[in-house]
């Protein structure tokens, strides 16, 4: 008799558990992420020690990829964690086995920079190896979202922080 009463109550209990679980889970899927982009000349850098010729080249590097992931943050926020993947080549003028390259990650909203972080990315070469692929630290950026605007509406721009002289040299090299 008691089992029969319990069995009648099971569907109601399951329904209450299901409804309670629905309220506890706010997001079933990961959020959409911004689209990463690389733009010349910011995707490559060549550093020299003196005149710009091969004998004076310290390092040449290129951003291979912009990797990242997005997670739900506080209400109305998506947290993007972005990393740069850089391929670097040691030049004949490099002394030592390590160098720090100036890089940046920026969140672009339309034509405006919403957030930007600049830092130096360490690149370490193994002895007798002239090329390396390096991964930057994870850069955390918060993106405000609304029902009308997802995190995918933003762009992530990443690259090297170039000096005006390096940009001018890049332009000269492309005109040849």
C-alpha atoms as a PDB file:
ATOM      1  CA  UNK A   1       0.000   0.000   0.000  1.00  0.00           C
ATOM      2  CA  UNK A   2       2.767   2.421   0.863  1.00  0.00           C
ATOM      3  CA  UNK A   3       4.726   1.592  -2.307  1.00  0.00           C
ATOM      4  CA  UNK A   4       1.659   2.318  -4.432  1.00  0.00           C
ATOM      5  CA  UNK A   5       1.341   5.790  -2.836  1.00  0.00           C
ATOM      6  CA  UNK A   6       5.041   6.412  -3.386  1.00  0.00           C
ATOM      7  CA  UNK A   7       4.809   5.404  -7.048  1.00  0.00           C
ATOM      8  CA  UNK A   8       1.978   7.891  -7.562  1.00  0.00           C
ATOM      9  CA  UNK A   9       4.151  10.650  -6.072  1.00  0.00           C
ATOM     10  CA  UNK A  10       7.231   9.856  -8.250  1.00  0.00           C
ATOM     11  CA  UNK A  11       6.056  11.754 -11.383  1.00  0.00           C
ATOM     12  CA  UNK A  12       5.317  14.859  -9.314  1.00  0.00           C
ATOM     13  CA  UNK A  13       8.728  14.639  -7.601  1.00  0.00           C
ATOM     14  CA  UNK A  14      10.508  14.235 -10.954  1.00  0.00           C
ATOM     15  CA  UNK A  15       8.673  17.224 -12.380  1.00  0.00           C
ATOM     16  CA  UNK A  16       9.672  19.378  -9.388  1.00  0.00           C
ATOM     17  CA  UNK A  17      13.307  18.281  -9.699  1.00  0.00           C
ATOM     18  CA  UNK A  18      13.331  19.042 -13.421  1.00  0.00           C
ATOM     19  CA  UNK A  19      11.853  22.499 -12.914  1.00  0.00           C
ATOM     20  CA  UNK A  20      14.273  23.220 -10.095  1.00  0.00           C
ATOM     21  CA  UNK A  21      17.215  22.169 -12.255  1.00  0.00           C
ATOM     22  CA  UNK A  22      16.111  24.509 -15.037  1.00  0.00           C
ATOM     23  CA  UNK A  23      16.407  27.520 -12.767  1.00  0.00           C
ATOM     24  CA  UNK A  24      19.870  26.559 -11.543  1.00  0.00           C
ATOM     25  CA  UNK A  25      21.470  26.348 -15.004  1.00  0.00           C
ATOM     26  CA  UNK A  26      21.647  29.784 -16.579  1.00  0.00           C
ATOM     27  CA  UNK A  27      23.673  28.897 -19.703  1.00  0.00           C
ATOM     28  CA  UNK A  28      23.547  25.531 -21.417  1.00  0.00           C
ATOM     29  CA  UNK A  29      26.139  26.323 -24.114  1.00  0.00           C
ATOM     30  CA  UNK A  30      29.385  28.313 -24.157  1.00  0.00           C
ATOM     31  CA  UNK A  31      29.001  31.903 -25.339  1.00  0.00           C
ATOM     32  CA  UNK A  32      29.867  33.083 -28.831  1.00  0.00           C
ATOM     33  CA  UNK A  33      33.400  34.480 -29.091  1.00  0.00           C
ATOM     34  CA  UNK A  34      34.697  37.548 -30.912  1.00  0.00           C
ATOM     35  CA  UNK A  35      36.399  37.050 -34.245  1.00  0.00           C
ATOM     36  CA  UNK A  36      40.202  37.366 -34.004  1.00  0.00           C
ATOM     37  CA  UNK A  37      42.044  39.209 -36.750  1.00  0.00           C
ATOM     38  CA  UNK A  38      45.606  39.909 -37.792  1.00  0.00           C
ATOM     39  CA  UNK A  39      46.420  42.969 -39.872  1.00  0.00           C
ATOM     40  CA  UNK A  40      49.620  43.832 -41.672  1.00  0.00           C
ATOM     41  CA  UNK A  41      52.020  45.254 -40.634  1.00  0.00           C
ATOM     42  CA  UNK A  42      51.125  44.416 -37.015  1.00  0.00           C
ATOM     43  CA  UNK A  43      51.413  40.659 -37.560  1.00  0.00           C
ATOM     44  CA  UNK A  44      55.186  40.657 -38.063  1.00  0.00           C
ATOM     45  CA  UNK A  45      58.254  42.280 -36.553  1.00  0.00           C
ATOM     46  CA  UNK A  46      61.952  42.357 -37.405  1.00  0.00           C
ATOM     47  CA  UNK A  47      64.387  43.839 -34.918  1.00  0.00           C
ATOM     48  CA  UNK A  48      67.903  44.941 -35.901  1.00  0.00           C
ATOM     49  CA  UNK A  49      71.013  45.951 -34.029  1.00  0.00           C
ATOM     50  CA  UNK A  50      72.145  48.819 -36.234  1.00  0.00           C
ATOM     51  CA  UNK A  51      71.563  49.108 -39.979  1.00  0.00           C
ATOM     52  CA  UNK A  52      68.745  47.078 -41.470  1.00  0.00           C
ATOM     53  CA  UNK A  53      70.590  44.249 -43.143  1.00  0.00           C
ATOM     54  CA  UNK A  54      70.704  40.526 -42.508  1.00  0.00           C
ATOM     55  CA  UNK A  55      73.971  40.634 -40.533  1.00  0.00           C
ATOM     56  CA  UNK A  56      72.360  42.997 -38.002  1.00  0.00           C
ATOM     57  CA  UNK A  57      69.063  41.119 -37.645  1.00  0.00           C
ATOM     58  CA  UNK A  58      68.362  40.216 -34.017  1.00  0.00           C
ATOM     59  CA  UNK A  59      64.994  38.494 -34.445  1.00  0.00           C
ATOM     60  CA  UNK A  60      62.190  38.116 -36.958  1.00  0.00           C
ATOM     61  CA  UNK A  61      58.777  37.035 -35.698  1.00  0.00           C
ATOM     62  CA  UNK A  62      55.290  36.556 -37.066  1.00  0.00           C
ATOM     63  CA  UNK A  63      51.969  36.028 -35.297  1.00  0.00           C
ATOM     64  CA  UNK A  64      50.914  32.559 -36.413  1.00  0.00           C
ATOM     65  CA  UNK A  65      47.536  32.514 -34.687  1.00  0.00           C
ATOM     66  CA  UNK A  66      45.329  34.174 -32.108  1.00  0.00           C
ATOM     67  CA  UNK A  67      43.882  31.485 -29.852  1.00  0.00           C
ATOM     68  CA  UNK A  68      41.244  31.946 -27.234  1.00  0.00           C
ATOM     69  CA  UNK A  69      38.152  30.859 -25.433  1.00  0.00           C
ATOM     70  CA  UNK A  70      35.072  32.515 -24.008  1.00  0.00           C
ATOM     71  CA  UNK A  71      33.234  31.812 -20.783  1.00  0.00           C
ATOM     72  CA  UNK A  72      30.190  33.305 -19.129  1.00  0.00           C
ATOM     73  CA  UNK A  73      31.113  35.948 -16.571  1.00  0.00           C
ATOM     74  CA  UNK A  74      28.877  37.950 -14.292  1.00  0.00           C
ATOM     75  CA  UNK A  75      25.458  38.915 -15.617  1.00  0.00           C
ATOM     76  CA  UNK A  76      25.832  40.734 -18.924  1.00  0.00           C
ATOM     77  CA  UNK A  77      29.537  39.853 -19.309  1.00  0.00           C
ATOM     78  CA  UNK A  78      31.441  37.329 -21.429  1.00  0.00           C
ATOM     79  CA  UNK A  79      35.065  36.758 -20.417  1.00  0.00           C
ATOM     80  CA  UNK A  80      37.439  36.177 -23.339  1.00  0.00           C
ATOM     81  CA  UNK A  81      40.908  34.764 -22.690  1.00  0.00           C
ATOM     82  CA  UNK A  82      43.227  35.414 -25.643  1.00  0.00           C
ATOM     83  CA  UNK A  83      46.724  34.092 -26.411  1.00  0.00           C
ATOM     84  CA  UNK A  84      49.087  34.848 -29.273  1.00  0.00           C
ATOM     85  CA  UNK A  85      50.949  32.048 -31.033  1.00  0.00           C
ATOM     86  CA  UNK A  86      54.198  33.461 -32.449  1.00  0.00           C
ATOM     87  CA  UNK A  87      56.796  31.920 -34.756  1.00  0.00           C
ATOM     88  CA  UNK A  88      60.220  33.500 -34.221  1.00  0.00           C
ATOM     89  CA  UNK A  89      63.567  33.181 -35.971  1.00  0.00           C
ATOM     90  CA  UNK A  90      66.836  34.059 -34.279  1.00  0.00           C
ATOM     91  CA  UNK A  91      69.044  36.413 -36.286  1.00  0.00           C
ATOM     92  CA  UNK A  92      72.856  36.495 -36.495  1.00  0.00           C
ATOM     93  CA  UNK A  93      73.032  39.586 -34.259  1.00  0.00           C
ATOM     94  CA  UNK A  94      71.089  38.033 -31.376  1.00  0.00           C
ATOM     95  CA  UNK A  95      73.038  37.637 -28.167  1.00  0.00           C
ATOM     96  CA  UNK A  96      71.738  35.142 -25.635  1.00  0.00           C
ATOM     97  CA  UNK A  97      68.862  32.716 -26.004  1.00  0.00           C
ATOM     98  CA  UNK A  98      65.881  34.899 -25.067  1.00  0.00           C
ATOM     99  CA  UNK A  99      64.181  38.077 -26.155  1.00  0.00           C
ATOM    100  CA  UNK A 100      61.002  39.930 -25.149  1.00  0.00           C
ATOM    101  CA  UNK A 101      58.748  41.087 -27.959  1.00  0.00           C
ATOM    102  CA  UNK A 102      56.249  43.966 -27.548  1.00  0.00           C
ATOM    103  CA  UNK A 103      52.723  42.682 -28.251  1.00  0.00           C
ATOM    104  CA  UNK A 104      49.155  43.847 -27.740  1.00  0.00           C
ATOM    105  CA  UNK A 105      45.634  42.452 -27.685  1.00  0.00           C
ATOM    106  CA  UNK A 106      42.703  44.788 -28.296  1.00  0.00           C
ATOM    107  CA  UNK A 107      38.938  44.412 -28.353  1.00  0.00           C
ATOM    108  CA  UNK A 108      37.392  46.439 -31.159  1.00  0.00           C
ATOM    109  CA  UNK A 109      33.749  47.565 -31.043  1.00  0.00           C
ATOM    110  CA  UNK A 110      32.933  48.931 -34.489  1.00  0.00           C
ATOM    111  CA  UNK A 111      35.776  51.380 -35.102  1.00  0.00           C
ATOM    112  CA  UNK A 112      36.494  52.062 -31.409  1.00  0.00           C
ATOM    113  CA  UNK A 113      39.026  50.306 -29.198  1.00  0.00           C
ATOM    114  CA  UNK A 114      37.039  49.026 -26.214  1.00  0.00           C
ATOM    115  CA  UNK A 115      39.947  47.470 -24.297  1.00  0.00           C
ATOM    116  CA  UNK A 116      43.655  47.062 -24.997  1.00  0.00           C
ATOM    117  CA  UNK A 117      46.444  45.316 -23.133  1.00  0.00           C
ATOM    118  CA  UNK A 118      50.118  45.715 -24.013  1.00  0.00           C
ATOM    119  CA  UNK A 119      52.838  43.504 -22.642  1.00  0.00           C
ATOM    120  CA  UNK A 120      56.191  41.945 -23.457  1.00  0.00           C
ATOM    121  CA  UNK A 121      56.081  38.339 -24.624  1.00  0.00           C
ATOM    122  CA  UNK A 122      59.159  36.270 -23.743  1.00  0.00           C
ATOM    123  CA  UNK A 123      60.572  34.104 -26.528  1.00  0.00           C
ATOM    124  CA  UNK A 124      63.217  31.544 -25.569  1.00  0.00           C
ATOM    125  CA  UNK A 125      65.359  29.669 -28.091  1.00  0.00           C
ATOM    126  CA  UNK A 126      66.882  26.286 -27.310  1.00  0.00           C
ATOM    127  CA  UNK A 127      70.677  26.043 -27.830  1.00  0.00           C
ATOM    128  CA  UNK A 128      71.577  25.541 -31.504  1.00  0.00           C
ATOM    129  CA  UNK A 129      67.941  25.988 -32.613  1.00  0.00           C
ATOM    130  CA  UNK A 130      67.151  29.083 -34.670  1.00  0.00           C
ATOM    131  CA  UNK A 131      63.344  28.902 -34.780  1.00  0.00           C
ATOM    132  CA  UNK A 132      60.710  28.559 -32.086  1.00  0.00           C
ATOM    133  CA  UNK A 133      56.947  28.710 -31.671  1.00  0.00           C
ATOM    134  CA  UNK A 134      55.974  30.593 -28.505  1.00  0.00           C
ATOM    135  CA  UNK A 135      52.648  31.043 -26.728  1.00  0.00           C
ATOM    136  CA  UNK A 136      51.870  34.260 -24.850  1.00  0.00           C
ATOM    137  CA  UNK A 137      50.259  34.459 -21.457  1.00  0.00           C
ATOM    138  CA  UNK A 138      46.472  34.449 -21.434  1.00  0.00           C
ATOM    139  CA  UNK A 139      45.011  37.936 -21.653  1.00  0.00           C
ATOM    140  CA  UNK A 140      41.642  38.276 -19.913  1.00  0.00           C
ATOM    141  CA  UNK A 141      39.137  40.703 -21.396  1.00  0.00           C
ATOM    142  CA  UNK A 142      35.543  41.374 -20.334  1.00  0.00           C
ATOM    143  CA  UNK A 143      32.958  41.962 -23.040  1.00  0.00           C
ATOM    144  CA  UNK A 144      29.576  43.490 -22.179  1.00  0.00           C
ATOM    145  CA  UNK A 145      26.673  41.730 -23.874  1.00  0.00           C
ATOM    146  CA  UNK A 146      22.965  42.354 -24.210  1.00  0.00           C
ATOM    147  CA  UNK A 147      20.134  40.357 -25.786  1.00  0.00           C
ATOM    148  CA  UNK A 148      20.787  42.425 -28.934  1.00  0.00           C
ATOM    149  CA  UNK A 149      24.615  42.187 -28.904  1.00  0.00           C
ATOM    150  CA  UNK A 150      26.592  38.998 -28.339  1.00  0.00           C
ATOM    151  CA  UNK A 151      30.341  38.744 -27.790  1.00  0.00           C
ATOM    152  CA  UNK A 152      30.646  37.712 -31.452  1.00  0.00           C
ATOM    153  CA  UNK A 153      29.798  41.328 -32.395  1.00  0.00           C
ATOM    154  CA  UNK A 154      33.270  42.394 -31.199  1.00  0.00           C
ATOM    155  CA  UNK A 155      36.598  41.848 -32.937  1.00  0.00           C
ATOM    156  CA  UNK A 156      39.886  40.934 -31.298  1.00  0.00           C
ATOM    157  CA  UNK A 157      42.955  42.500 -32.910  1.00  0.00           C
ATOM    158  CA  UNK A 158      46.365  41.231 -31.854  1.00  0.00           C
ATOM    159  CA  UNK A 159      49.891  41.833 -33.011  1.00  0.00           C
ATOM    160  CA  UNK A 160      53.220  43.454 -32.334  1.00  0.00           C
ATOM    161  CA  UNK A 161      53.544  46.957 -30.944  1.00  0.00           C
ATOM    162  CA  UNK A 162      55.663  48.484 -33.717  1.00  0.00           C
ATOM    163  CA  UNK A 163      57.641  51.708 -33.609  1.00  0.00           C
ATOM    164  CA  UNK A 164      56.979  54.331 -36.316  1.00  0.00           C
ATOM    165  CA  UNK A 165      60.354  53.397 -37.852  1.00  0.00           C
ATOM    166  CA  UNK A 166      59.345  49.718 -38.060  1.00  0.00           C
ATOM    167  CA  UNK A 167      56.065  50.614 -39.789  1.00  0.00           C
ATOM    168  CA  UNK A 168      57.945  52.819 -42.268  1.00  0.00           C
ATOM    169  CA  UNK A 169      60.463  50.013 -42.969  1.00  0.00           C
ATOM    170  CA  UNK A 170      57.592  47.575 -43.550  1.00  0.00           C
ATOM    171  CA  UNK A 171      56.039  49.978 -46.067  1.00  0.00           C
ATOM    172  CA  UNK A 172      59.385  50.485 -47.866  1.00  0.00           C
ATOM    173  CA  UNK A 173      59.915  46.717 -48.096  1.00  0.00           C
ATOM    174  CA  UNK A 174      56.443  46.171 -49.599  1.00  0.00           C
ATOM    175  CA  UNK A 175      57.031  48.791 -52.315  1.00  0.00           C
ATOM    176  CA  UNK A 176      60.053  46.931 -53.709  1.00  0.00           C
END
